[in-house]
Amino acid sequence: QVQLVESGGGLVQAGGSLGLSCAASERTFTTSAVGWFRQAPGKEREFVAAISWGGGQTRYADSVKGRFTISRDNAKNTVYLQMNSLKPEDTAVYYCAASRSGLATIRRPEYWGQGTQVTVSS
């Protein structure tokens, strides 16, 4: 069972930056695609970004392209989400998730973290 723990959330002003981390408990994480999702109050959880197990392929939601960057360090069992030019509409709980079947199934991951709050003030 892979356990995922997010960190790095917080409060930031619009236009600012935050970096999130997702640390995994097992080495099998290094062969899994990992994604970031978010859920704002009253809204459904939505896909934000994903990265293949080797880091060579990435995917982004249109709403964050050019502002967010996903990366990973398999030696540290950690995936990162760098968020720049933040907007109030980026406010949400951010979750990381892992899929052992790869990027093709990242929107149906087997493992989820507990989430970290990101609040962007206007």
C-alpha atoms as a PDB file:
ATOM      1  CA  GLN A   1       0.000   0.000   0.000  1.00  0.00           C
ATOM      2  CA  VAL A   2       1.527   3.288  -1.115  1.00  0.00           C
ATOM      3  CA  GLN A   3       1.017   6.172   1.268  1.00  0.00           C
ATOM      4  CA  LEU A   4       1.227   9.686  -0.131  1.00  0.00           C
ATOM      5  CA  VAL A   5       1.769  12.793   1.970  1.00  0.00           C
ATOM      6  CA  GLU A   6       1.388  16.274   0.550  1.00  0.00           C
ATOM      7  CA  SER A   7       3.016  19.361   2.007  1.00  0.00           C
ATOM      8  CA  GLY A   8       3.684  22.967   1.101  1.00  0.00           C
ATOM      9  CA  GLY A   9       0.210  24.422   0.996  1.00  0.00           C
ATOM     10  CA  GLY A  10      -0.628  27.756   2.536  1.00  0.00           C
ATOM     11  CA  LEU A  11      -1.882  31.275   1.978  1.00  0.00           C
ATOM     12  CA  VAL A  12      -0.447  33.438  -0.790  1.00  0.00           C
ATOM     13  CA  GLN A  13      -1.468  36.625  -2.549  1.00  0.00           C
ATOM     14  CA  ALA A  14      -2.593  36.608  -6.154  1.00  0.00           C
ATOM     15  CA  GLY A  15       0.411  36.640  -8.459  1.00  0.00           C
ATOM     16  CA  GLY A  16       2.549  34.813  -5.942  1.00  0.00           C
ATOM     17  CA  SER A  17       4.066  31.335  -5.957  1.00  0.00           C
ATOM     18  CA  LEU A  18       3.859  28.160  -3.911  1.00  0.00           C
ATOM     19  CA  GLY A  19       5.550  24.794  -4.188  1.00  0.00           C
ATOM     20  CA  LEU A  20       3.833  21.560  -3.202  1.00  0.00           C
ATOM     21  CA  SER A  21       5.517  18.245  -2.471  1.00  0.00           C
ATOM     22  CA  CYS A  22       4.149  14.727  -2.501  1.00  0.00           C
ATOM     23  CA  ALA A  23       6.260  12.172  -0.648  1.00  0.00           C
ATOM     24  CA  ALA A  24       5.626   8.460  -0.991  1.00  0.00           C
ATOM     25  CA  SER A  25       6.214   5.654   1.456  1.00  0.00           C
ATOM     26  CA  GLU A  26       7.377   3.037  -1.003  1.00  0.00           C
ATOM     27  CA  ARG A  27       9.933   2.627  -3.743  1.00  0.00           C
ATOM     28  CA  THR A  28       7.208   1.270  -6.037  1.00  0.00           C
ATOM     29  CA  PHE A  29       6.156   4.903  -6.280  1.00  0.00           C
ATOM     30  CA  THR A  30       9.103   5.398  -8.603  1.00  0.00           C
ATOM     31  CA  THR A  31       7.427   3.215 -11.235  1.00  0.00           C
ATOM     32  CA  SER A  32       4.058   4.950 -10.936  1.00  0.00           C
ATOM     33  CA  ALA A  33       2.658   7.918 -12.780  1.00  0.00           C
ATOM     34  CA  VAL A  34       1.719  10.668 -10.351  1.00  0.00           C
ATOM     35  CA  GLY A  35      -0.865  13.354 -10.672  1.00  0.00           C
ATOM     36  CA  TRP A  36      -2.060  16.438  -8.845  1.00  0.00           C
ATOM     37  CA  PHE A  37      -5.758  17.137  -8.487  1.00  0.00           C
ATOM     38  CA  ARG A  38      -7.663  19.862  -6.692  1.00  0.00           C
ATOM     39  CA  GLN A  39     -11.075  20.412  -5.221  1.00  0.00           C
ATOM     40  CA  ALA A  40     -12.529  23.809  -4.501  1.00  0.00           C
ATOM     41  CA  PRO A  41     -15.478  24.272  -2.122  1.00  0.00           C
ATOM     42  CA  GLY A  42     -18.715  23.233  -3.770  1.00  0.00           C
ATOM     43  CA  LYS A  43     -16.955  21.882  -6.842  1.00  0.00           C
ATOM     44  CA  GLU A  44     -15.914  18.483  -8.092  1.00  0.00           C
ATOM     45  CA  ARG A  45     -12.314  17.365  -7.865  1.00  0.00           C
ATOM     46  CA  GLU A  46     -10.448  18.214 -11.060  1.00  0.00           C
ATOM     47  CA  PHE A  47      -7.230  17.157 -12.714  1.00  0.00           C
ATOM     48  CA  VAL A  48      -4.343  19.620 -12.531  1.00  0.00           C
ATOM     49  CA  ALA A  49      -1.152  17.948 -13.756  1.00  0.00           C
ATOM     50  CA  ALA A  50       0.541  14.564 -14.115  1.00  0.00           C
ATOM     51  CA  ILE A  51       3.956  13.113 -14.752  1.00  0.00           C
ATOM     52  CA  SER A  52       5.105   9.729 -16.010  1.00  0.00           C
ATOM     53  CA  TRP A  53       7.168   7.438 -13.820  1.00  0.00           C
ATOM     54  CA  GLY A  54      10.419   8.468 -15.493  1.00  0.00           C
ATOM     55  CA  GLY A  55       9.505  12.132 -15.678  1.00  0.00           C
ATOM     56  CA  GLY A  56       9.742  12.290 -19.437  1.00  0.00           C
ATOM     57  CA  GLN A  57       6.060  12.982 -20.050  1.00  0.00           C
ATOM     58  CA  THR A  58       3.838  15.547 -18.410  1.00  0.00           C
ATOM     59  CA  ARG A  59       0.211  16.598 -18.725  1.00  0.00           C
ATOM     60  CA  TYR A  60      -1.479  19.801 -17.613  1.00  0.00           C
ATOM     61  CA  ALA A  61      -4.995  21.113 -17.383  1.00  0.00           C
ATOM     62  CA  ASP A  62      -5.533  24.063 -19.703  1.00  0.00           C
ATOM     63  CA  SER A  63      -6.257  26.286 -16.713  1.00  0.00           C
ATOM     64  CA  VAL A  64      -2.717  25.867 -15.326  1.00  0.00           C
ATOM     65  CA  LYS A  65      -0.578  25.518 -18.459  1.00  0.00           C
ATOM     66  CA  GLY A  66       2.308  27.937 -18.441  1.00  0.00           C
ATOM     67  CA  ARG A  67       1.879  28.649 -14.720  1.00  0.00           C
ATOM     68  CA  PHE A  68       2.341  25.263 -12.999  1.00  0.00           C
ATOM     69  CA  THR A  69       5.208  22.821 -13.393  1.00  0.00           C
ATOM     70  CA  ILE A  70       5.206  19.216 -12.242  1.00  0.00           C
ATOM     71  CA  SER A  71       8.465  17.381 -11.628  1.00  0.00           C
ATOM     72  CA  ARG A  72       9.765  14.407  -9.706  1.00  0.00           C
ATOM     73  CA  ASP A  73      12.843  13.134  -7.942  1.00  0.00           C
ATOM     74  CA  ASN A  74      12.640   9.367  -7.774  1.00  0.00           C
ATOM     75  CA  ALA A  75      15.725   9.163  -5.583  1.00  0.00           C
ATOM     76  CA  LYS A  76      13.669  11.003  -2.957  1.00  0.00           C
ATOM     77  CA  ASN A  77      10.327   9.313  -3.742  1.00  0.00           C
ATOM     78  CA  THR A  78       8.889  12.792  -4.202  1.00  0.00           C
ATOM     79  CA  VAL A  79       6.849  14.639  -6.795  1.00  0.00           C
ATOM     80  CA  TYR A  80       6.614  18.419  -6.858  1.00  0.00           C
ATOM     81  CA  LEU A  81       4.153  20.977  -8.158  1.00  0.00           C
ATOM     82  CA  GLN A  82       5.538  24.471  -8.606  1.00  0.00           C
ATOM     83  CA  MET A  83       2.719  26.979  -8.885  1.00  0.00           C
ATOM     84  CA  ASN A  84       3.443  30.465 -10.201  1.00  0.00           C
ATOM     85  CA  SER A  85       1.227  33.437 -11.056  1.00  0.00           C
ATOM     86  CA  LEU A  86      -1.412  32.107  -8.708  1.00  0.00           C
ATOM     87  CA  LYS A  87      -4.989  33.308  -9.049  1.00  0.00           C
ATOM     88  CA  PRO A  88      -7.836  33.313  -6.527  1.00  0.00           C
ATOM     89  CA  GLU A  89      -9.531  30.611  -8.608  1.00  0.00           C
ATOM     90  CA  ASP A  90      -6.579  28.309  -7.836  1.00  0.00           C
ATOM     91  CA  THR A  91      -7.826  28.159  -4.241  1.00  0.00           C
ATOM     92  CA  ALA A  92      -8.569  24.527  -3.407  1.00  0.00           C
ATOM     93  CA  VAL A  93      -7.422  21.469  -1.539  1.00  0.00           C
ATOM     94  CA  TYR A  94      -4.667  19.909  -3.627  1.00  0.00           C
ATOM     95  CA  TYR A  95      -4.234  16.151  -3.697  1.00  0.00           C
ATOM     96  CA  CYS A  96      -1.538  13.993  -5.175  1.00  0.00           C
ATOM     97  CA  ALA A  97      -2.364  10.563  -6.516  1.00  0.00           C
ATOM     98  CA  ALA A  98      -0.475   7.638  -8.001  1.00  0.00           C
ATOM     99  CA  SER A  99      -1.286   5.160 -10.723  1.00  0.00           C
ATOM    100  CA  ARG A 100       0.802   2.036 -11.189  1.00  0.00           C
ATOM    101  CA  SER A 101      -0.699   1.639 -14.651  1.00  0.00           C
ATOM    102  CA  GLY A 102       0.849   4.841 -15.910  1.00  0.00           C
ATOM    103  CA  LEU A 103      -0.284   8.152 -17.359  1.00  0.00           C
ATOM    104  CA  ALA A 104      -3.088   6.560 -19.347  1.00  0.00           C
ATOM    105  CA  THR A 105      -4.982   5.831 -16.121  1.00  0.00           C
ATOM    106  CA  ILE A 106      -3.812   8.733 -13.949  1.00  0.00           C
ATOM    107  CA  ARG A 107      -7.354  10.090 -13.792  1.00  0.00           C
ATOM    108  CA  ARG A 108      -8.315   6.824 -12.065  1.00  0.00           C
ATOM    109  CA  PRO A 109      -5.448   6.472  -9.619  1.00  0.00           C
ATOM    110  CA  GLU A 110      -5.180   3.718  -7.032  1.00  0.00           C
ATOM    111  CA  TYR A 111      -3.670   5.850  -4.288  1.00  0.00           C
ATOM    112  CA  TRP A 112      -4.494   9.291  -2.896  1.00  0.00           C
ATOM    113  CA  GLY A 113      -2.895  11.612  -0.416  1.00  0.00           C
ATOM    114  CA  GLN A 114      -4.842  13.437   2.278  1.00  0.00           C
ATOM    115  CA  GLY A 115      -4.621  16.832   0.598  1.00  0.00           C
ATOM    116  CA  THR A 116      -3.136  20.213   1.398  1.00  0.00           C
ATOM    117  CA  GLN A 117      -4.962  23.543   1.376  1.00  0.00           C
ATOM    118  CA  VAL A 118      -3.903  26.285  -1.009  1.00  0.00           C
ATOM    119  CA  THR A 119      -5.550  29.668  -0.569  1.00  0.00           C
ATOM    120  CA  VAL A 120      -4.912  32.549  -2.944  1.00  0.00           C
ATOM    121  CA  SER A 121      -6.111  35.936  -1.776  1.00  0.00           C
ATOM    122  CA  SER A 122      -7.060  38.704  -4.178  1.00  0.00           C
END
